[in-house]
Amino acid sequence: MKRYEPKQFPKVKGLSGISDSLLQDHLKLYEGYVKNTNELNTQLEAMLKNGKAKGTDPATGATVPTGSAVTILTH
């Protein structure tokens, strides 16, 4: 499964209306979101390999075949 890398934003320092400190805080949160997304994708991939990712679509109640979550996440 694709691993995501946090993007760098070197030009956001010195913006008017938002402090550099606040920007740094937001960028740290963003990096955590990227890390957590990668961890969840790793767990999902393991579940798919072990046949434990079967279930139903919470929106429709339709049966979701094994492997379809990967298609949804990667497209």
PDB file of N, CA and C in Angstrom:
ATOM      1  N   MET A   1       0.843  -1.171   0.000  1.00  0.00           N
ATOM      2  CA  MET A   1       0.000   0.000   0.000  1.00  0.00           C
ATOM      3  C   MET A   1       0.894   1.242   0.000  1.00  0.00           C
ATOM      4  N   LYS A   2       0.428   2.274  -0.612  1.00  0.00           N
ATOM      5  CA  LYS A   2       1.205   3.508  -0.705  1.00  0.00           C
ATOM      6  C   LYS A   2       1.450   4.111   0.678  1.00  0.00           C
ATOM      7  N   ARG A   3       2.695   4.546   0.920  1.00  0.00           N
ATOM      8  CA  ARG A   3       3.035   5.270   2.150  1.00  0.00           C
ATOM      9  C   ARG A   3       3.082   6.747   1.814  1.00  0.00           C
ATOM     10  N   TYR A   4       2.499   7.537   2.661  1.00  0.00           N
ATOM     11  CA  TYR A   4       2.481   8.975   2.467  1.00  0.00           C
ATOM     12  C   TYR A   4       3.627   9.626   3.222  1.00  0.00           C
ATOM     13  N   GLU A   5       4.167  10.678   2.665  1.00  0.00           N
ATOM     14  CA  GLU A   5       5.204  11.478   3.309  1.00  0.00           C
ATOM     15  C   GLU A   5       4.650  12.883   3.515  1.00  0.00           C
ATOM     16  N   PRO A   6       4.887  13.463   4.687  1.00  0.00           N
ATOM     17  CA  PRO A   6       4.399  14.827   4.901  1.00  0.00           C
ATOM     18  C   PRO A   6       5.094  15.805   3.952  1.00  0.00           C
ATOM     19  N   LYS A   7       4.326  16.688   3.381  1.00  0.00           N
ATOM     20  CA  LYS A   7       4.888  17.713   2.503  1.00  0.00           C
ATOM     21  C   LYS A   7       5.539  18.794   3.362  1.00  0.00           C
ATOM     22  N   GLN A   8       6.499  19.455   2.778  1.00  0.00           N
ATOM     23  CA  GLN A   8       7.177  20.551   3.452  1.00  0.00           C
ATOM     24  C   GLN A   8       6.592  21.870   2.950  1.00  0.00           C
ATOM     25  N   PHE A   9       6.486  22.829   3.832  1.00  0.00           N
ATOM     26  CA  PHE A   9       5.921  24.127   3.498  1.00  0.00           C
ATOM     27  C   PHE A   9       6.884  25.240   3.931  1.00  0.00           C
ATOM     28  N   PRO A  10       8.005  25.377   3.238  1.00  0.00           N
ATOM     29  CA  PRO A  10       9.018  26.337   3.670  1.00  0.00           C
ATOM     30  C   PRO A  10       8.609  27.803   3.488  1.00  0.00           C
ATOM     31  N   LYS A  11       7.628  28.072   2.655  1.00  0.00           N
ATOM     32  CA  LYS A  11       7.268  29.463   2.357  1.00  0.00           C
ATOM     33  C   LYS A  11       6.155  30.018   3.239  1.00  0.00           C
ATOM     34  N   VAL A  12       5.694  29.259   4.231  1.00  0.00           N
ATOM     35  CA  VAL A  12       4.563  29.741   5.019  1.00  0.00           C
ATOM     36  C   VAL A  12       4.980  30.608   6.203  1.00  0.00           C
ATOM     37  N   LYS A  13       6.256  30.714   6.471  1.00  0.00           N
ATOM     38  CA  LYS A  13       6.696  31.557   7.580  1.00  0.00           C
ATOM     39  C   LYS A  13       6.522  33.028   7.223  1.00  0.00           C
ATOM     40  N   GLY A  14       6.177  33.799   8.241  1.00  0.00           N
ATOM     41  CA  GLY A  14       6.064  35.238   8.045  1.00  0.00           C
ATOM     42  C   GLY A  14       4.764  35.700   7.409  1.00  0.00           C
ATOM     43  N   LEU A  15       3.742  34.871   7.440  1.00  0.00           N
ATOM     44  CA  LEU A  15       2.444  35.279   6.888  1.00  0.00           C
ATOM     45  C   LEU A  15       1.771  36.265   7.825  1.00  0.00           C
ATOM     46  N   SER A  16       1.007  37.176   7.278  1.00  0.00           N
ATOM     47  CA  SER A  16       0.253  38.094   8.133  1.00  0.00           C
ATOM     48  C   SER A  16      -1.043  37.422   8.558  1.00  0.00           C
ATOM     49  N   GLY A  17      -1.416  37.652   9.812  1.00  0.00           N
ATOM     50  CA  GLY A  17      -2.671  37.107  10.308  1.00  0.00           C
ATOM     51  C   GLY A  17      -2.534  35.794  11.060  1.00  0.00           C
ATOM     52  N   ILE A  18      -1.375  35.158  10.981  1.00  0.00           N
ATOM     53  CA  ILE A  18      -1.155  33.903  11.712  1.00  0.00           C
ATOM     54  C   ILE A  18       0.328  33.849  12.108  1.00  0.00           C
ATOM     55  N   SER A  19       0.573  33.534  13.351  1.00  0.00           N
ATOM     56  CA  SER A  19       1.955  33.539  13.837  1.00  0.00           C
ATOM     57  C   SER A  19       2.718  32.310  13.360  1.00  0.00           C
ATOM     58  N   ASP A  20       4.037  32.457  13.302  1.00  0.00           N
ATOM     59  CA  ASP A  20       4.882  31.331  12.923  1.00  0.00           C
ATOM     60  C   ASP A  20       4.731  30.172  13.914  1.00  0.00           C
ATOM     61  N   SER A  21       4.540  30.512  15.183  1.00  0.00           N
ATOM     62  CA  SER A  21       4.358  29.487  16.214  1.00  0.00           C
ATOM     63  C   SER A  21       3.087  28.674  15.956  1.00  0.00           C
ATOM     64  N   LEU A  22       2.009  29.363  15.625  1.00  0.00           N
ATOM     65  CA  LEU A  22       0.752  28.669  15.347  1.00  0.00           C
ATOM     66  C   LEU A  22       0.877  27.814  14.081  1.00  0.00           C
ATOM     67  N   LEU A  23       1.555  28.326  13.076  1.00  0.00           N
ATOM     68  CA  LEU A  23       1.783  27.542  11.861  1.00  0.00           C
ATOM     69  C   LEU A  23       2.562  26.270  12.181  1.00  0.00           C
ATOM     70  N   GLN A  24       3.596  26.384  13.005  1.00  0.00           N
ATOM     71  CA  GLN A  24       4.383  25.218  13.387  1.00  0.00           C
ATOM     72  C   GLN A  24       3.516  24.191  14.111  1.00  0.00           C
ATOM     73  N   ASP A  25       2.641  24.666  14.989  1.00  0.00           N
ATOM     74  CA  ASP A  25       1.732  23.755  15.692  1.00  0.00           C
ATOM     75  C   ASP A  25       0.848  22.997  14.708  1.00  0.00           C
ATOM     76  N   HIS A  26       0.316  23.707  13.727  1.00  0.00           N
ATOM     77  CA  HIS A  26      -0.555  23.067  12.735  1.00  0.00           C
ATOM     78  C   HIS A  26       0.225  22.073  11.872  1.00  0.00           C
ATOM     79  N   LEU A  27       1.444  22.427  11.516  1.00  0.00           N
ATOM     80  CA  LEU A  27       2.256  21.514  10.708  1.00  0.00           C
ATOM     81  C   LEU A  27       2.627  20.254  11.481  1.00  0.00           C
ATOM     82  N   LYS A  28       2.843  20.376  12.779  1.00  0.00           N
ATOM     83  CA  LYS A  28       3.110  19.191  13.606  1.00  0.00           C
ATOM     84  C   LYS A  28       1.875  18.289  13.656  1.00  0.00           C
ATOM     85  N   LEU A  29       0.704  18.897  13.774  1.00  0.00           N
ATOM     86  CA  LEU A  29      -0.530  18.101  13.747  1.00  0.00           C
ATOM     87  C   LEU A  29      -0.671  17.380  12.406  1.00  0.00           C
ATOM     88  N   TYR A  30      -0.421  18.101  11.323  1.00  0.00           N
ATOM     89  CA  TYR A  30      -0.492  17.525   9.981  1.00  0.00           C
ATOM     90  C   TYR A  30       0.447  16.321   9.855  1.00  0.00           C
ATOM     91  N   GLU A  31       1.686  16.458  10.361  1.00  0.00           N
ATOM     92  CA  GLU A  31       2.635  15.351  10.300  1.00  0.00           C
ATOM     93  C   GLU A  31       2.116  14.148  11.083  1.00  0.00           C
ATOM     94  N   GLY A  32       1.453  14.405  12.201  1.00  0.00           N
ATOM     95  CA  GLY A  32       0.851  13.314  12.970  1.00  0.00           C
ATOM     96  C   GLY A  32      -0.271  12.635  12.205  1.00  0.00           C
ATOM     97  N   TYR A  33      -1.059  13.418  11.471  1.00  0.00           N
ATOM     98  CA  TYR A  33      -2.144  12.834  10.663  1.00  0.00           C
ATOM     99  C   TYR A  33      -1.569  11.927   9.574  1.00  0.00           C
ATOM    100  N   VAL A  34      -0.482  12.359   8.949  1.00  0.00           N
ATOM    101  CA  VAL A  34       0.152  11.546   7.909  1.00  0.00           C
ATOM    102  C   VAL A  34       0.668  10.246   8.523  1.00  0.00           C
ATOM    103  N   LYS A  35       1.331  10.352   9.667  1.00  0.00           N
ATOM    104  CA  LYS A  35       1.855   9.162  10.349  1.00  0.00           C
ATOM    105  C   LYS A  35       0.724   8.201  10.702  1.00  0.00           C
ATOM    106  N   ASN A  36      -0.364   8.726  11.267  1.00  0.00           N
ATOM    107  CA  ASN A  36      -1.495   7.876  11.649  1.00  0.00           C
ATOM    108  C   ASN A  36      -2.162   7.233  10.436  1.00  0.00           C
ATOM    109  N   THR A  37      -2.244   7.958   9.332  1.00  0.00           N
ATOM    110  CA  THR A  37      -2.810   7.398   8.106  1.00  0.00           C
ATOM    111  C   THR A  37      -1.978   6.217   7.638  1.00  0.00           C
ATOM    112  N   ASN A  38      -0.657   6.369   7.671  1.00  0.00           N
ATOM    113  CA  ASN A  38       0.225   5.269   7.276  1.00  0.00           C
ATOM    114  C   ASN A  38       0.052   4.068   8.198  1.00  0.00           C
ATOM    115  N   GLU A  39      -0.071   4.308   9.498  1.00  0.00           N
ATOM    116  CA  GLU A  39      -0.264   3.207  10.447  1.00  0.00           C
ATOM    117  C   GLU A  39      -1.592   2.497  10.210  1.00  0.00           C
ATOM    118  N   LEU A  40      -2.645   3.261   9.970  1.00  0.00           N
ATOM    119  CA  LEU A  40      -3.948   2.647   9.698  1.00  0.00           C
ATOM    120  C   LEU A  40      -3.933   1.851   8.398  1.00  0.00           C
ATOM    121  N   ASN A  41      -3.258   2.369   7.380  1.00  0.00           N
ATOM    122  CA  ASN A  41      -3.152   1.635   6.117  1.00  0.00           C
ATOM    123  C   ASN A  41      -2.402   0.324   6.307  1.00  0.00           C
ATOM    124  N   THR A  42      -1.367   0.336   7.135  1.00  0.00           N
ATOM    125  CA  THR A  42      -0.613  -0.881   7.434  1.00  0.00           C
ATOM    126  C   THR A  42      -1.515  -1.899   8.132  1.00  0.00           C
ATOM    127  N   GLN A  43      -2.293  -1.443   9.097  1.00  0.00           N
ATOM    128  CA  GLN A  43      -3.211  -2.336   9.807  1.00  0.00           C
ATOM    129  C   GLN A  43      -4.278  -2.885   8.870  1.00  0.00           C
ATOM    130  N   LEU A  44      -4.806  -2.035   7.996  1.00  0.00           N
ATOM    131  CA  LEU A  44      -5.828  -2.477   7.045  1.00  0.00           C
ATOM    132  C   LEU A  44      -5.256  -3.509   6.088  1.00  0.00           C
ATOM    133  N   GLU A  45      -4.051  -3.269   5.631  1.00  0.00           N
ATOM    134  CA  GLU A  45      -3.417  -4.226   4.727  1.00  0.00           C
ATOM    135  C   GLU A  45      -3.262  -5.585   5.401  1.00  0.00           C
ATOM    136  N   ALA A  46      -2.856  -5.596   6.668  1.00  0.00           N
ATOM    137  CA  ALA A  46      -2.723  -6.858   7.414  1.00  0.00           C
ATOM    138  C   ALA A  46      -4.077  -7.535   7.563  1.00  0.00           C
ATOM    139  N   MET A  47      -5.105  -6.764   7.842  1.00  0.00           N
ATOM    140  CA  MET A  47      -6.452  -7.336   7.977  1.00  0.00           C
ATOM    141  C   MET A  47      -6.909  -7.954   6.664  1.00  0.00           C
ATOM    142  N   LEU A  48      -6.628  -7.273   5.559  1.00  0.00           N
ATOM    143  CA  LEU A  48      -7.020  -7.807   4.253  1.00  0.00           C
ATOM    144  C   LEU A  48      -6.294  -9.116   3.958  1.00  0.00           C
ATOM    145  N   LYS A  49      -5.005  -9.173   4.273  1.00  0.00           N
ATOM    146  CA  LYS A  49      -4.228 -10.393   4.028  1.00  0.00           C
ATOM    147  C   LYS A  49      -4.733 -11.557   4.868  1.00  0.00           C
ATOM    148  N   ASN A  50      -5.231 -11.256   6.066  1.00  0.00           N
ATOM    149  CA  ASN A  50      -5.723 -12.292   6.974  1.00  0.00           C
ATOM    150  C   ASN A  50      -7.210 -12.575   6.806  1.00  0.00           C
ATOM    151  N   GLY A  51      -7.842 -11.919   5.837  1.00  0.00           N
ATOM    152  CA  GLY A  51      -9.260 -12.139   5.588  1.00  0.00           C
ATOM    153  C   GLY A  51     -10.164 -11.583   6.664  1.00  0.00           C
ATOM    154  N   LYS A  52      -9.696 -10.587   7.412  1.00  0.00           N
ATOM    155  CA  LYS A  52     -10.484 -10.025   8.500  1.00  0.00           C
ATOM    156  C   LYS A  52     -11.092  -8.674   8.155  1.00  0.00           C
ATOM    157  N   ALA A  53     -11.080  -8.289   6.896  1.00  0.00           N
ATOM    158  CA  ALA A  53     -11.599  -6.981   6.510  1.00  0.00           C
ATOM    159  C   ALA A  53     -12.965  -7.075   5.854  1.00  0.00           C
ATOM    160  N   LYS A  54     -13.672  -8.168   6.095  1.00  0.00           N
ATOM    161  CA  LYS A  54     -15.011  -8.320   5.535  1.00  0.00           C
ATOM    162  C   LYS A  54     -15.995  -7.536   6.378  1.00  0.00           C
ATOM    163  N   GLY A  55     -17.078  -7.123   5.781  1.00  0.00           N
ATOM    164  CA  GLY A  55     -18.083  -6.404   6.535  1.00  0.00           C
ATOM    165  C   GLY A  55     -19.133  -5.815   5.626  1.00  0.00           C
ATOM    166  N   THR A  56     -19.817  -4.806   6.142  1.00  0.00           N
ATOM    167  CA  THR A  56     -20.841  -4.139   5.358  1.00  0.00           C
ATOM    168  C   THR A  56     -20.531  -2.653   5.285  1.00  0.00           C
ATOM    169  N   ASP A  57     -21.002  -2.037   4.237  1.00  0.00           N
ATOM    170  CA  ASP A  57     -20.856  -0.602   4.058  1.00  0.00           C
ATOM    171  C   ASP A  57     -21.806   0.073   5.038  1.00  0.00           C
ATOM    172  N   PRO A  58     -21.287   0.918   5.951  1.00  0.00           N
ATOM    173  CA  PRO A  58     -22.164   1.533   6.947  1.00  0.00           C
ATOM    174  C   PRO A  58     -23.211   2.463   6.344  1.00  0.00           C
ATOM    175  N   ALA A  59     -22.947   2.980   5.157  1.00  0.00           N
ATOM    176  CA  ALA A  59     -23.905   3.897   4.533  1.00  0.00           C
ATOM    177  C   ALA A  59     -25.066   3.166   3.875  1.00  0.00           C
ATOM    178  N   THR A  60     -24.769   2.006   3.276  1.00  0.00           N
ATOM    179  CA  THR A  60     -25.807   1.315   2.513  1.00  0.00           C
ATOM    180  C   THR A  60     -26.224  -0.020   3.104  1.00  0.00           C
ATOM    181  N   GLY A  61     -25.368  -0.607   3.942  1.00  0.00           N
ATOM    182  CA  GLY A  61     -25.650  -1.930   4.486  1.00  0.00           C
ATOM    183  C   GLY A  61     -25.281  -3.051   3.541  1.00  0.00           C
ATOM    184  N   ALA A  62     -24.759  -2.693   2.356  1.00  0.00           N
ATOM    185  CA  ALA A  62     -24.373  -3.703   1.372  1.00  0.00           C
ATOM    186  C   ALA A  62     -23.117  -4.421   1.828  1.00  0.00           C
ATOM    187  N   THR A  63     -23.027  -5.704   1.459  1.00  0.00           N
ATOM    188  CA  THR A  63     -21.835  -6.486   1.783  1.00  0.00           C
ATOM    189  C   THR A  63     -20.648  -5.935   1.010  1.00  0.00           C
ATOM    190  N   VAL A  64     -19.533  -5.767   1.713  1.00  0.00           N
ATOM    191  CA  VAL A  64     -18.303  -5.273   1.102  1.00  0.00           C
ATOM    192  C   VAL A  64     -17.367  -6.459   0.929  1.00  0.00           C
ATOM    193  N   PRO A  65     -17.026  -6.809  -0.320  1.00  0.00           N
ATOM    194  CA  PRO A  65     -16.149  -7.951  -0.533  1.00  0.00           C
ATOM    195  C   PRO A  65     -14.731  -7.668  -0.047  1.00  0.00           C
ATOM    196  N   THR A  66     -14.019  -8.715   0.359  1.00  0.00           N
ATOM    197  CA  THR A  66     -12.629  -8.585   0.784  1.00  0.00           C
ATOM    198  C   THR A  66     -11.826  -7.973  -0.353  1.00  0.00           C
ATOM    199  N   GLY A  67     -10.995  -6.987   0.001  1.00  0.00           N
ATOM    200  CA  GLY A  67     -10.141  -6.341  -0.987  1.00  0.00           C
ATOM    201  C   GLY A  67     -10.691  -5.038  -1.506  1.00  0.00           C
ATOM    202  N   SER A  68     -11.979  -4.797  -1.335  1.00  0.00           N
ATOM    203  CA  SER A  68     -12.550  -3.568  -1.889  1.00  0.00           C
ATOM    204  C   SER A  68     -12.084  -2.340  -1.142  1.00  0.00           C
ATOM    205  N   ALA A  69     -11.749  -2.462   0.133  1.00  0.00           N
ATOM    206  CA  ALA A  69     -11.276  -1.312   0.901  1.00  0.00           C
ATOM    207  C   ALA A  69      -9.969  -0.788   0.319  1.00  0.00           C
ATOM    208  N   VAL A  70      -9.125  -1.673  -0.156  1.00  0.00           N
ATOM    209  CA  VAL A  70      -7.876  -1.228  -0.751  1.00  0.00           C
ATOM    210  C   VAL A  70      -8.170  -0.418  -2.000  1.00  0.00           C
ATOM    211  N   THR A  71      -9.114  -0.877  -2.790  1.00  0.00           N
ATOM    212  CA  THR A  71      -9.466  -0.150  -3.995  1.00  0.00           C
ATOM    213  C   THR A  71      -9.981   1.247  -3.642  1.00  0.00           C
ATOM    214  N   ILE A  72     -10.804   1.352  -2.638  1.00  0.00           N
ATOM    215  CA  ILE A  72     -11.354   2.638  -2.241  1.00  0.00           C
ATOM    216  C   ILE A  72     -10.253   3.555  -1.722  1.00  0.00           C
ATOM    217  N   LEU A  73      -9.353   3.032  -0.891  1.00  0.00           N
ATOM    218  CA  LEU A  73      -8.309   3.861  -0.295  1.00  0.00           C
ATOM    219  C   LEU A  73      -7.240   4.293  -1.280  1.00  0.00           C
ATOM    220  N   THR A  74      -7.013   3.530  -2.318  1.00  0.00           N
ATOM    221  CA  THR A  74      -5.917   3.853  -3.227  1.00  0.00           C
ATOM    222  C   THR A  74      -6.377   4.545  -4.499  1.00  0.00           C
ATOM    223  N   HIS A  75      -7.669   4.795  -4.642  1.00  0.00           N
ATOM    224  CA  HIS A  75      -8.141   5.461  -5.877  1.00  0.00           C
ATOM    225  C   HIS A  75      -8.852   6.733  -5.556  1.00  0.00           C
TER     226      HIS A  75
END
